[in-house]
């Protein structure tokens, strides 16, 4: 138990420190790297809780896809971060209000088990014992039975967000030649071939 407690405090401290450095770093590339570090330590906390499936999903999806893709986007796009930070003071009150609301929600969720000890017994979907079903099977039962419509709705929201991000970042530049499949298919031999009669000895 002592080793588990030490590992928990180690993962928790590194995860919190990495989360603070994500928003405190001036270099966006360093922020993404600290975000990846926070994901790895969060995965370690999931393993300690017995949720190995969530830990693997966190590493494979977020670290292997989202964070790395965001890192490449930050490194490849020419973003003026000085201009983005120019309106920081203007939106600071709104951001502080949102932060306080999120903090209050976290305190309510965290203190709910202390205020209402019987909350676990009245849960809509209590966690089954480990000896009955595995962690992956328990999550699959909830997602694809009780919360299947919410799961599909979340997928549609992510799809719309992805399409919207592509539309917002797609820039049309003048003078760039693009392939037009319809024009290529409708092209006739008379438009593509020119027969030139060259007299002998005159060349082209």
N, C-alpha and C. Protein backbone atom coordinates (compact mmCIF):
# COMPACT_ATOMS: atom_id res chain seq x y z
N UNK A 1 0.82 -1.21 0.00
CA UNK A 1 0.00 0.00 0.00
C UNK A 1 0.86 1.26 0.00
N UNK A 2 2.00 1.19 0.68
CA UNK A 2 2.86 2.38 0.72
C UNK A 2 3.41 2.68 -0.67
N UNK A 3 3.78 1.62 -1.42
CA UNK A 3 4.31 1.83 -2.76
C UNK A 3 3.23 2.40 -3.67
N UNK A 4 2.01 1.89 -3.57
CA UNK A 4 0.92 2.42 -4.38
C UNK A 4 0.63 3.89 -4.06
N UNK A 5 0.69 4.23 -2.77
CA UNK A 5 0.46 5.63 -2.40
C UNK A 5 1.56 6.53 -2.94
N UNK A 6 2.81 6.07 -2.86
CA UNK A 6 3.92 6.88 -3.39
C UNK A 6 3.80 7.06 -4.90
N UNK A 7 3.44 5.98 -5.60
CA UNK A 7 3.28 6.08 -7.06
C UNK A 7 2.12 7.01 -7.41
N UNK A 8 1.03 6.91 -6.63
CA UNK A 8 -0.11 7.80 -6.87
C UNK A 8 0.28 9.26 -6.70
N UNK A 9 0.96 9.59 -5.60
CA UNK A 9 1.36 10.98 -5.39
C UNK A 9 2.36 11.45 -6.44
N UNK A 10 3.21 10.55 -6.91
CA UNK A 10 4.16 10.91 -7.96
C UNK A 10 3.43 11.24 -9.26
N UNK A 11 2.53 10.35 -9.68
CA UNK A 11 1.76 10.59 -10.91
C UNK A 11 0.90 11.85 -10.77
N UNK A 12 0.26 12.02 -9.61
CA UNK A 12 -0.62 13.17 -9.42
C UNK A 12 0.18 14.48 -9.44
N UNK A 13 1.33 14.49 -8.78
CA UNK A 13 2.14 15.72 -8.75
C UNK A 13 2.65 16.09 -10.14
N UNK A 14 3.14 15.10 -10.88
CA UNK A 14 3.66 15.38 -12.22
C UNK A 14 2.52 15.81 -13.15
N UNK A 15 1.34 15.18 -13.02
CA UNK A 15 0.21 15.55 -13.87
C UNK A 15 -0.24 16.98 -13.60
N UNK A 16 -0.33 17.36 -12.33
CA UNK A 16 -0.75 18.73 -11.99
C UNK A 16 0.31 19.73 -12.43
N UNK A 17 1.58 19.40 -12.21
CA UNK A 17 2.66 20.31 -12.63
C UNK A 17 2.68 20.47 -14.14
N UNK A 18 2.48 19.36 -14.88
CA UNK A 18 2.46 19.45 -16.34
C UNK A 18 1.25 20.25 -16.82
N UNK A 19 0.11 20.11 -16.13
CA UNK A 19 -1.06 20.90 -16.50
C UNK A 19 -0.84 22.38 -16.30
N UNK A 20 -0.15 22.75 -15.22
CA UNK A 20 0.16 24.17 -14.99
C UNK A 20 1.12 24.69 -16.05
N UNK A 21 2.12 23.88 -16.41
CA UNK A 21 3.09 24.30 -17.41
C UNK A 21 2.48 24.40 -18.81
N UNK A 22 1.39 23.67 -19.05
CA UNK A 22 0.72 23.77 -20.36
C UNK A 22 0.22 25.19 -20.60
N UNK A 23 -0.36 25.79 -19.58
CA UNK A 23 -0.90 27.13 -19.74
C UNK A 23 0.11 28.21 -19.38
N UNK A 24 1.23 27.85 -18.76
CA UNK A 24 2.23 28.84 -18.37
C UNK A 24 3.36 28.97 -19.37
N UNK A 25 3.54 28.00 -20.25
CA UNK A 25 4.64 28.05 -21.21
C UNK A 25 4.34 29.07 -22.30
N UNK A 26 5.35 29.84 -22.64
CA UNK A 26 5.20 30.81 -23.72
C UNK A 26 5.31 30.18 -25.09
N UNK A 27 6.08 29.11 -25.19
CA UNK A 27 6.25 28.42 -26.46
C UNK A 27 5.12 27.41 -26.63
N UNK A 28 4.32 27.51 -27.70
CA UNK A 28 3.21 26.55 -27.87
C UNK A 28 3.67 25.11 -28.06
N UNK A 29 4.85 24.92 -28.64
CA UNK A 29 5.37 23.55 -28.80
C UNK A 29 5.66 22.93 -27.44
N UNK A 30 6.24 23.72 -26.54
CA UNK A 30 6.49 23.22 -25.19
C UNK A 30 5.17 22.92 -24.47
N UNK A 31 4.14 23.72 -24.73
CA UNK A 31 2.84 23.46 -24.12
C UNK A 31 2.27 22.11 -24.55
N UNK A 32 2.42 21.79 -25.82
CA UNK A 32 1.92 20.50 -26.30
C UNK A 32 2.72 19.35 -25.70
N UNK A 33 4.02 19.52 -25.56
CA UNK A 33 4.84 18.47 -24.95
C UNK A 33 4.47 18.26 -23.48
N UNK A 34 4.21 19.32 -22.76
CA UNK A 34 3.74 19.18 -21.38
C UNK A 34 2.36 18.54 -21.34
N UNK A 35 1.53 18.81 -22.34
CA UNK A 35 0.21 18.17 -22.40
C UNK A 35 0.35 16.67 -22.58
N UNK A 36 1.28 16.24 -23.42
CA UNK A 36 1.53 14.81 -23.59
C UNK A 36 2.01 14.19 -22.28
N UNK A 37 2.88 14.89 -21.55
CA UNK A 37 3.34 14.39 -20.25
C UNK A 37 2.17 14.26 -19.27
N UNK A 38 1.26 15.23 -19.28
CA UNK A 38 0.09 15.14 -18.41
C UNK A 38 -0.80 13.95 -18.78
N UNK A 39 -0.93 13.67 -20.07
CA UNK A 39 -1.73 12.52 -20.50
C UNK A 39 -1.11 11.21 -20.01
N UNK A 40 0.19 11.09 -20.10
CA UNK A 40 0.86 9.86 -19.67
C UNK A 40 0.67 9.64 -18.16
N UNK A 41 0.81 10.69 -17.37
CA UNK A 41 0.63 10.54 -15.93
C UNK A 41 -0.83 10.27 -15.58
N UNK A 42 -1.76 10.85 -16.32
CA UNK A 42 -3.17 10.54 -16.10
C UNK A 42 -3.46 9.07 -16.43
N UNK A 43 -2.81 8.55 -17.47
CA UNK A 43 -2.96 7.14 -17.78
C UNK A 43 -2.43 6.26 -16.65
N UNK A 44 -1.31 6.70 -16.03
CA UNK A 44 -0.80 5.96 -14.88
C UNK A 44 -1.78 5.95 -13.72
N UNK A 45 -2.47 7.06 -13.50
CA UNK A 45 -3.49 7.11 -12.44
C UNK A 45 -4.66 6.18 -12.76
N UNK A 46 -5.04 6.10 -14.03
CA UNK A 46 -6.11 5.17 -14.42
C UNK A 46 -5.70 3.72 -14.15
N UNK A 47 -4.44 3.40 -14.41
CA UNK A 47 -3.97 2.04 -14.15
C UNK A 47 -4.03 1.72 -12.67
N UNK A 48 -3.67 2.68 -11.82
CA UNK A 48 -3.76 2.46 -10.38
C UNK A 48 -5.20 2.26 -9.92
N UNK A 49 -6.15 2.87 -10.62
CA UNK A 49 -7.57 2.72 -10.27
C UNK A 49 -8.17 1.43 -10.80
N UNK A 50 -7.43 0.70 -11.62
CA UNK A 50 -7.95 -0.52 -12.21
C UNK A 50 -8.66 -0.32 -13.52
N UNK A 51 -8.60 0.88 -14.08
CA UNK A 51 -9.24 1.18 -15.36
C UNK A 51 -8.19 1.16 -16.46
N UNK A 52 -7.71 -0.05 -16.75
CA UNK A 52 -6.62 -0.17 -17.73
C UNK A 52 -7.09 0.15 -19.14
N UNK A 53 -8.37 -0.07 -19.43
CA UNK A 53 -8.88 0.25 -20.77
C UNK A 53 -8.84 1.76 -21.01
N UNK A 54 -9.28 2.54 -20.03
CA UNK A 54 -9.23 3.99 -20.18
C UNK A 54 -7.80 4.50 -20.29
N UNK A 55 -6.89 3.84 -19.59
CA UNK A 55 -5.49 4.25 -19.68
C UNK A 55 -4.94 4.03 -21.09
N UNK A 56 -5.24 2.88 -21.68
CA UNK A 56 -4.77 2.61 -23.04
C UNK A 56 -5.43 3.54 -24.06
N UNK A 57 -6.72 3.81 -23.88
CA UNK A 57 -7.40 4.74 -24.78
C UNK A 57 -6.78 6.14 -24.67
N UNK A 58 -6.47 6.55 -23.46
CA UNK A 58 -5.87 7.88 -23.26
C UNK A 58 -4.52 7.98 -23.96
N UNK A 59 -3.73 6.93 -23.88
CA UNK A 59 -2.41 6.95 -24.52
C UNK A 59 -2.53 6.84 -26.03
N UNK A 60 -3.37 5.91 -26.50
CA UNK A 60 -3.45 5.66 -27.95
C UNK A 60 -4.14 6.81 -28.68
N UNK A 61 -5.28 7.26 -28.15
CA UNK A 61 -6.07 8.27 -28.86
C UNK A 61 -5.50 9.67 -28.65
N UNK A 62 -5.36 10.07 -27.39
CA UNK A 62 -4.98 11.45 -27.12
C UNK A 62 -3.50 11.70 -27.36
N UNK A 63 -2.65 10.81 -26.86
CA UNK A 63 -1.21 11.01 -27.06
C UNK A 63 -0.81 10.64 -28.48
N UNK A 64 -1.31 9.52 -28.96
CA UNK A 64 -0.88 9.05 -30.27
C UNK A 64 -1.50 9.78 -31.43
N UNK A 65 -2.62 10.44 -31.23
CA UNK A 65 -3.30 11.08 -32.36
C UNK A 65 -3.51 12.57 -32.13
N UNK A 66 -4.28 12.89 -31.10
CA UNK A 66 -4.69 14.29 -30.92
C UNK A 66 -3.50 15.18 -30.58
N UNK A 67 -2.73 14.80 -29.55
CA UNK A 67 -1.63 15.66 -29.11
C UNK A 67 -0.54 15.76 -30.17
N UNK A 68 -0.20 14.62 -30.80
CA UNK A 68 0.84 14.66 -31.83
C UNK A 68 0.36 15.46 -33.05
N UNK A 69 -0.90 15.29 -33.43
CA UNK A 69 -1.44 16.07 -34.54
C UNK A 69 -1.44 17.56 -34.22
N UNK A 70 -1.82 17.90 -32.99
CA UNK A 70 -1.79 19.30 -32.59
C UNK A 70 -0.37 19.85 -32.59
N UNK A 71 0.59 19.01 -32.20
CA UNK A 71 1.99 19.44 -32.22
C UNK A 71 2.44 19.74 -33.64
N UNK A 72 2.09 18.88 -34.58
CA UNK A 72 2.47 19.12 -35.98
C UNK A 72 1.77 20.37 -36.53
N UNK A 73 0.51 20.57 -36.14
CA UNK A 73 -0.22 21.75 -36.62
C UNK A 73 0.43 23.02 -36.10
N UNK A 74 0.81 23.03 -34.83
CA UNK A 74 1.44 24.21 -34.24
C UNK A 74 2.78 24.48 -34.90
N UNK A 75 3.52 23.41 -35.20
CA UNK A 75 4.85 23.59 -35.78
C UNK A 75 4.78 23.99 -37.25
N UNK A 76 3.74 23.57 -37.97
CA UNK A 76 3.68 23.82 -39.40
C UNK A 76 2.97 25.13 -39.75
N UNK A 77 1.96 25.51 -38.99
CA UNK A 77 1.21 26.71 -39.32
C UNK A 77 1.95 27.95 -38.83
N UNK A 78 1.86 28.98 -39.60
CA UNK A 78 2.47 30.26 -39.25
C UNK A 78 1.44 31.09 -38.49
N UNK A 79 1.35 30.84 -37.18
CA UNK A 79 0.35 31.50 -36.35
C UNK A 79 1.02 32.63 -35.58
N UNK A 80 0.40 33.78 -35.62
CA UNK A 80 0.91 34.94 -34.88
C UNK A 80 0.35 34.88 -33.46
N UNK A 81 1.10 34.26 -32.54
CA UNK A 81 0.62 34.10 -31.17
C UNK A 81 0.62 35.42 -30.41
N UNK A 82 1.44 36.36 -30.82
CA UNK A 82 1.43 37.67 -30.17
C UNK A 82 0.10 38.36 -30.40
N UNK A 83 -0.43 38.23 -31.62
CA UNK A 83 -1.73 38.82 -31.93
C UNK A 83 -2.85 38.12 -31.20
N UNK A 84 -2.72 36.80 -31.03
CA UNK A 84 -3.76 36.07 -30.32
C UNK A 84 -3.81 36.45 -28.85
N UNK A 85 -2.65 36.75 -28.26
CA UNK A 85 -2.61 37.11 -26.85
C UNK A 85 -2.93 38.58 -26.60
N UNK A 86 -3.12 39.35 -27.66
CA UNK A 86 -3.34 40.78 -27.49
C UNK A 86 -4.65 41.08 -26.76
N UNK A 87 -5.68 40.25 -26.94
CA UNK A 87 -6.96 40.48 -26.28
C UNK A 87 -7.14 39.70 -25.00
N UNK A 88 -6.02 39.33 -24.35
CA UNK A 88 -6.11 38.51 -23.14
C UNK A 88 -6.78 39.27 -22.01
N UNK A 89 -6.39 40.54 -21.81
CA UNK A 89 -6.97 41.31 -20.71
C UNK A 89 -8.45 41.58 -20.93
N UNK A 90 -8.87 41.66 -22.18
CA UNK A 90 -10.27 41.95 -22.48
C UNK A 90 -11.18 40.79 -22.06
N UNK A 91 -10.71 39.56 -22.29
CA UNK A 91 -11.53 38.38 -21.98
C UNK A 91 -11.18 37.76 -20.63
N UNK A 92 -10.35 38.43 -19.84
CA UNK A 92 -9.95 37.87 -18.55
C UNK A 92 -11.13 37.73 -17.59
N UNK A 93 -12.04 38.70 -17.45
CA UNK A 93 -13.18 38.50 -16.53
C UNK A 93 -14.06 37.32 -16.91
N UNK A 94 -14.32 37.16 -18.21
CA UNK A 94 -15.14 36.02 -18.65
C UNK A 94 -14.43 34.71 -18.37
N UNK A 95 -13.13 34.67 -18.65
CA UNK A 95 -12.36 33.44 -18.38
C UNK A 95 -12.31 33.13 -16.89
N UNK A 96 -12.18 34.16 -16.05
CA UNK A 96 -12.17 33.93 -14.60
C UNK A 96 -13.52 33.41 -14.12
N UNK A 97 -14.60 33.92 -14.70
CA UNK A 97 -15.93 33.45 -14.32
C UNK A 97 -16.13 31.98 -14.69
N UNK A 98 -15.71 31.63 -15.91
CA UNK A 98 -15.81 30.23 -16.34
C UNK A 98 -14.95 29.33 -15.46
N UNK A 99 -13.76 29.81 -15.10
CA UNK A 99 -12.89 29.01 -14.23
C UNK A 99 -13.49 28.80 -12.85
N UNK A 100 -14.11 29.82 -12.30
CA UNK A 100 -14.76 29.66 -11.00
C UNK A 100 -15.93 28.70 -11.06
N UNK A 101 -16.70 28.75 -12.16
CA UNK A 101 -17.82 27.81 -12.30
C UNK A 101 -17.31 26.37 -12.37
N UNK A 102 -16.26 26.15 -13.16
CA UNK A 102 -15.69 24.80 -13.25
C UNK A 102 -15.13 24.34 -11.91
N UNK A 103 -14.48 25.25 -11.17
CA UNK A 103 -13.96 24.89 -9.86
C UNK A 103 -15.08 24.52 -8.91
N UNK A 104 -16.17 25.27 -8.94
CA UNK A 104 -17.32 24.94 -8.09
C UNK A 104 -17.91 23.58 -8.44
N UNK A 105 -18.00 23.28 -9.75
CA UNK A 105 -18.52 21.97 -10.15
C UNK A 105 -17.61 20.84 -9.68
N UNK A 106 -16.31 21.03 -9.79
CA UNK A 106 -15.37 20.00 -9.31
C UNK A 106 -15.49 19.80 -7.81
N UNK A 107 -15.65 20.89 -7.06
CA UNK A 107 -15.81 20.76 -5.61
C UNK A 107 -17.11 20.04 -5.26
N UNK A 108 -18.17 20.32 -6.01
CA UNK A 108 -19.44 19.63 -5.74
C UNK A 108 -19.32 18.14 -6.02
N UNK A 109 -18.68 17.81 -7.15
CA UNK A 109 -18.52 16.39 -7.50
C UNK A 109 -17.59 15.69 -6.51
N UNK A 110 -16.50 16.37 -6.16
CA UNK A 110 -15.55 15.75 -5.24
C UNK A 110 -16.08 15.57 -3.84
N UNK A 111 -16.90 16.51 -3.37
CA UNK A 111 -17.44 16.41 -2.01
C UNK A 111 -18.77 15.67 -1.95
N UNK A 112 -19.29 15.23 -3.09
CA UNK A 112 -20.56 14.53 -3.08
C UNK A 112 -20.52 13.22 -2.33
N UNK A 113 -19.39 12.51 -2.41
CA UNK A 113 -19.29 11.23 -1.72
C UNK A 113 -19.21 11.42 -0.20
N UNK A 114 -18.75 12.60 0.25
CA UNK A 114 -18.68 12.86 1.68
C UNK A 114 -20.03 13.34 2.21
N UNK A 115 -20.69 14.21 1.44
CA UNK A 115 -21.98 14.74 1.88
C UNK A 115 -23.05 13.65 1.84
N UNK A 116 -23.04 12.84 0.77
CA UNK A 116 -24.05 11.78 0.61
C UNK A 116 -23.31 10.44 0.53
N UNK A 117 -23.08 9.78 1.65
CA UNK A 117 -22.34 8.50 1.60
C UNK A 117 -23.06 7.41 0.82
N UNK A 118 -24.40 7.46 0.76
CA UNK A 118 -25.15 6.43 0.06
C UNK A 118 -25.28 6.71 -1.44
N UNK A 119 -24.50 7.65 -1.96
CA UNK A 119 -24.61 7.98 -3.39
C UNK A 119 -24.20 6.81 -4.27
N UNK A 120 -23.26 6.01 -3.81
CA UNK A 120 -22.82 4.87 -4.63
C UNK A 120 -23.92 3.83 -4.77
N UNK A 121 -24.73 3.66 -3.74
CA UNK A 121 -25.78 2.64 -3.79
C UNK A 121 -26.94 3.04 -4.68
N UNK A 122 -27.17 4.36 -4.86
CA UNK A 122 -28.28 4.81 -5.70
C UNK A 122 -27.81 5.24 -7.08
N UNK A 123 -26.60 4.87 -7.46
CA UNK A 123 -26.09 5.24 -8.78
C UNK A 123 -26.89 4.55 -9.86
N UNK A 124 -27.07 5.24 -10.99
CA UNK A 124 -27.87 4.68 -12.08
C UNK A 124 -27.19 3.46 -12.70
N UNK A 125 -25.86 3.48 -12.76
CA UNK A 125 -25.11 2.35 -13.32
C UNK A 125 -23.91 2.09 -12.42
N UNK A 126 -24.12 1.34 -11.32
CA UNK A 126 -23.00 1.08 -10.40
C UNK A 126 -21.92 0.24 -11.07
N UNK A 127 -20.70 0.42 -10.60
CA UNK A 127 -19.57 -0.32 -11.15
C UNK A 127 -19.63 -1.77 -10.68
N UNK A 128 -19.65 -2.73 -11.60
CA UNK A 128 -19.70 -4.13 -11.18
C UNK A 128 -18.37 -4.58 -10.59
N UNK A 129 -18.37 -5.60 -9.75
CA UNK A 129 -17.10 -6.10 -9.21
C UNK A 129 -16.17 -6.60 -10.31
N UNK A 130 -14.87 -6.51 -10.04
CA UNK A 130 -13.88 -6.89 -11.04
C UNK A 130 -13.94 -8.39 -11.34
N UNK A 131 -14.31 -9.21 -10.34
CA UNK A 131 -14.34 -10.65 -10.56
C UNK A 131 -15.51 -11.09 -11.44
N UNK A 132 -16.49 -10.20 -11.69
CA UNK A 132 -17.63 -10.55 -12.53
C UNK A 132 -17.38 -10.22 -13.99
N UNK A 133 -17.05 -8.97 -14.29
CA UNK A 133 -16.77 -8.55 -15.65
C UNK A 133 -15.49 -7.73 -15.66
N UNK A 134 -14.86 -7.65 -16.82
CA UNK A 134 -13.65 -6.86 -16.95
C UNK A 134 -14.01 -5.38 -17.12
N UNK A 135 -13.01 -4.55 -17.01
CA UNK A 135 -13.22 -3.11 -17.15
C UNK A 135 -13.72 -2.75 -18.54
N UNK A 136 -13.15 -3.38 -19.55
CA UNK A 136 -13.55 -3.11 -20.93
C UNK A 136 -14.99 -3.53 -21.19
N UNK A 137 -15.38 -4.69 -20.67
CA UNK A 137 -16.75 -5.16 -20.87
C UNK A 137 -17.76 -4.28 -20.15
N UNK A 138 -17.42 -3.79 -18.96
CA UNK A 138 -18.33 -2.92 -18.22
C UNK A 138 -18.56 -1.60 -18.96
N UNK A 139 -17.49 -1.02 -19.50
CA UNK A 139 -17.63 0.22 -20.27
C UNK A 139 -18.43 -0.02 -21.54
N UNK A 140 -18.16 -1.14 -22.22
CA UNK A 140 -18.89 -1.45 -23.44
C UNK A 140 -20.38 -1.64 -23.21
N UNK A 141 -20.73 -2.26 -22.10
CA UNK A 141 -22.15 -2.44 -21.79
C UNK A 141 -22.86 -1.11 -21.61
N UNK A 142 -22.21 -0.17 -20.93
CA UNK A 142 -22.84 1.13 -20.70
C UNK A 142 -22.92 1.95 -21.98
N UNK A 143 -21.84 1.96 -22.75
CA UNK A 143 -21.80 2.83 -23.94
C UNK A 143 -22.78 2.35 -25.00
N UNK A 144 -22.80 1.04 -25.25
CA UNK A 144 -23.58 0.52 -26.37
C UNK A 144 -24.96 0.01 -25.99
N UNK A 145 -25.38 0.23 -24.76
CA UNK A 145 -26.74 -0.13 -24.36
C UNK A 145 -27.50 1.08 -23.81
N UNK A 146 -27.06 1.58 -22.67
CA UNK A 146 -27.80 2.66 -22.02
C UNK A 146 -27.50 4.02 -22.64
N UNK A 147 -26.24 4.25 -23.01
CA UNK A 147 -25.84 5.56 -23.51
C UNK A 147 -25.50 5.51 -25.00
N UNK A 148 -26.14 4.63 -25.75
CA UNK A 148 -25.79 4.48 -27.16
C UNK A 148 -26.17 5.73 -27.97
N UNK A 149 -27.31 6.33 -27.67
CA UNK A 149 -27.72 7.53 -28.43
C UNK A 149 -26.84 8.73 -28.08
N UNK A 150 -26.49 8.86 -26.82
CA UNK A 150 -25.57 9.94 -26.44
C UNK A 150 -24.19 9.72 -27.05
N UNK A 151 -23.78 8.46 -27.15
CA UNK A 151 -22.49 8.15 -27.76
C UNK A 151 -22.49 8.51 -29.24
N UNK A 152 -23.56 8.20 -29.94
CA UNK A 152 -23.67 8.56 -31.35
C UNK A 152 -23.76 10.08 -31.52
N UNK A 153 -24.48 10.74 -30.63
CA UNK A 153 -24.57 12.21 -30.70
C UNK A 153 -23.20 12.85 -30.49
N UNK A 154 -22.42 12.30 -29.57
CA UNK A 154 -21.07 12.83 -29.36
C UNK A 154 -20.21 12.64 -30.60
N UNK A 155 -20.37 11.51 -31.29
CA UNK A 155 -19.64 11.30 -32.53
C UNK A 155 -20.03 12.29 -33.61
N UNK A 156 -21.33 12.62 -33.70
CA UNK A 156 -21.77 13.62 -34.68
C UNK A 156 -21.23 15.00 -34.34
N UNK A 157 -21.20 15.33 -33.05
CA UNK A 157 -20.65 16.64 -32.65
C UNK A 157 -19.17 16.73 -33.03
N UNK A 158 -18.42 15.66 -32.80
CA UNK A 158 -17.01 15.66 -33.17
C UNK A 158 -16.84 15.74 -34.68
N UNK A 159 -17.72 15.09 -35.43
CA UNK A 159 -17.64 15.17 -36.89
C UNK A 159 -17.89 16.59 -37.38
N UNK A 160 -18.93 17.23 -36.82
CA UNK A 160 -19.21 18.61 -37.21
C UNK A 160 -18.06 19.53 -36.83
N UNK A 161 -17.47 19.31 -35.66
CA UNK A 161 -16.33 20.13 -35.24
C UNK A 161 -15.14 19.94 -36.17
N UNK A 162 -14.92 18.71 -36.61
CA UNK A 162 -13.79 18.45 -37.52
C UNK A 162 -14.02 19.13 -38.88
N UNK A 163 -15.24 19.01 -39.40
CA UNK A 163 -15.55 19.66 -40.68
C UNK A 163 -15.45 21.18 -40.54
N UNK A 164 -15.94 21.72 -39.44
CA UNK A 164 -15.85 23.15 -39.22
C UNK A 164 -14.41 23.64 -39.12
N UNK A 165 -13.55 22.85 -38.45
CA UNK A 165 -12.14 23.25 -38.36
C UNK A 165 -11.47 23.23 -39.73
N UNK A 166 -11.84 22.25 -40.56
CA UNK A 166 -11.26 22.20 -41.91
C UNK A 166 -11.74 23.39 -42.74
N UNK A 167 -13.01 23.73 -42.63
CA UNK A 167 -13.54 24.86 -43.40
C UNK A 167 -12.90 26.17 -42.95
N UNK A 168 -12.70 26.34 -41.64
CA UNK A 168 -12.13 27.59 -41.14
C UNK A 168 -10.66 27.75 -41.51
N UNK A 169 -9.94 26.63 -41.56
CA UNK A 169 -8.50 26.72 -41.87
C UNK A 169 -8.20 26.61 -43.35
N UNK A 170 -9.19 26.29 -44.18
CA UNK A 170 -8.96 26.16 -45.62
C UNK A 170 -8.88 27.55 -46.23
N UNK A 171 -7.76 27.86 -46.82
CA UNK A 171 -7.56 29.17 -47.43
C UNK A 171 -7.44 29.03 -48.94
N UNK A 172 -8.13 29.88 -49.67
CA UNK A 172 -8.07 29.88 -51.12
C UNK A 172 -7.09 30.97 -51.56
N UNK A 173 -6.08 30.59 -52.29
CA UNK A 173 -5.07 31.53 -52.77
C UNK A 173 -5.19 31.71 -54.27
N UNK A 174 -5.03 32.95 -54.69
CA UNK A 174 -5.12 33.25 -56.12
C UNK A 174 -3.87 32.79 -56.84
N UNK A 175 -4.06 32.33 -58.09
CA UNK A 175 -2.93 31.89 -58.88
C UNK A 175 -2.51 30.46 -58.69
N UNK A 176 -3.21 29.71 -57.86
CA UNK A 176 -2.88 28.31 -57.62
C UNK A 176 -3.68 27.44 -58.59
N UNK A 177 -2.98 26.60 -59.33
CA UNK A 177 -3.64 25.72 -60.30
C UNK A 177 -4.17 24.48 -59.59
N UNK A 178 -5.45 24.21 -59.78
CA UNK A 178 -6.09 23.08 -59.15
C UNK A 178 -6.60 22.10 -60.20
N UNK A 179 -6.63 20.85 -59.81
CA UNK A 179 -7.12 19.82 -60.72
C UNK A 179 -8.64 19.81 -60.74
N UNK A 180 -9.21 19.83 -61.93
CA UNK A 180 -10.66 19.77 -62.11
C UNK A 180 -11.00 18.52 -62.90
N UNK A 181 -11.54 17.55 -62.21
CA UNK A 181 -11.81 16.24 -62.81
C UNK A 181 -12.86 16.37 -63.92
N UNK A 182 -13.88 17.19 -63.70
CA UNK A 182 -14.94 17.33 -64.71
C UNK A 182 -14.41 17.88 -66.02
N UNK A 183 -13.51 18.87 -65.97
CA UNK A 183 -12.94 19.42 -67.20
C UNK A 183 -12.06 18.41 -67.91
N UNK A 184 -11.36 17.59 -67.14
CA UNK A 184 -10.50 16.58 -67.75
C UNK A 184 -11.31 15.49 -68.45
N UNK A 185 -12.41 15.09 -67.83
CA UNK A 185 -13.23 14.04 -68.45
C UNK A 185 -13.94 14.57 -69.70
N UNK A 186 -14.38 15.83 -69.66
CA UNK A 186 -15.10 16.41 -70.79
C UNK A 186 -14.18 16.91 -71.91
N UNK A 187 -12.91 16.74 -71.75
CA UNK A 187 -11.97 17.24 -72.76
C UNK A 187 -12.03 16.38 -74.01
N UNK A 188 -12.05 17.02 -75.19
CA UNK A 188 -12.13 16.31 -76.47
C UNK A 188 -10.76 16.26 -77.13
N UNK A 189 -10.57 15.30 -78.00
CA UNK A 189 -9.26 15.22 -78.69
C UNK A 189 -8.96 16.46 -79.53
N UNK A 190 -10.00 17.09 -80.08
CA UNK A 190 -9.76 18.30 -80.89
C UNK A 190 -9.19 19.45 -80.05
N UNK A 191 -9.54 19.48 -78.77
CA UNK A 191 -9.03 20.53 -77.90
C UNK A 191 -7.62 20.24 -77.39
N UNK A 192 -7.21 18.97 -77.40
CA UNK A 192 -5.92 18.61 -76.83
C UNK A 192 -4.84 18.39 -77.88
N UNK A 193 -5.25 18.12 -79.10
CA UNK A 193 -4.27 17.78 -80.15
C UNK A 193 -4.31 18.86 -81.23
N UNK A 194 -3.16 19.32 -81.62
CA UNK A 194 -3.04 20.31 -82.68
C UNK A 194 -2.12 19.75 -83.77
N UNK A 195 -2.64 19.65 -84.99
CA UNK A 195 -1.88 19.11 -86.10
C UNK A 195 -1.23 20.29 -86.84
N UNK A 196 0.07 20.25 -86.92
CA UNK A 196 0.84 21.33 -87.57
C UNK A 196 1.55 20.73 -88.78
N UNK A 197 1.31 21.33 -89.95
CA UNK A 197 1.98 20.88 -91.16
C UNK A 197 3.29 21.68 -91.33
N UNK A 198 4.36 20.96 -91.31
CA UNK A 198 5.69 21.56 -91.40
C UNK A 198 6.29 21.23 -92.77
N UNK A 199 6.70 22.23 -93.45
CA UNK A 199 7.36 21.99 -94.74
C UNK A 199 8.74 21.40 -94.54
N UNK A 200 9.16 20.67 -95.53
CA UNK A 200 10.44 19.98 -95.43
C UNK A 200 11.57 20.98 -95.34
N UNK A 201 12.45 20.81 -94.34
CA UNK A 201 13.63 21.64 -94.18
C UNK A 201 13.40 22.92 -93.40
N UNK A 202 12.18 23.24 -93.02
CA UNK A 202 11.94 24.49 -92.28
C UNK A 202 11.94 24.31 -90.77
N UNK A 203 11.71 23.10 -90.30
CA UNK A 203 11.67 22.86 -88.87
C UNK A 203 10.36 23.32 -88.26
N UNK A 204 10.32 23.25 -86.96
CA UNK A 204 9.09 23.62 -86.25
C UNK A 204 9.18 25.10 -85.83
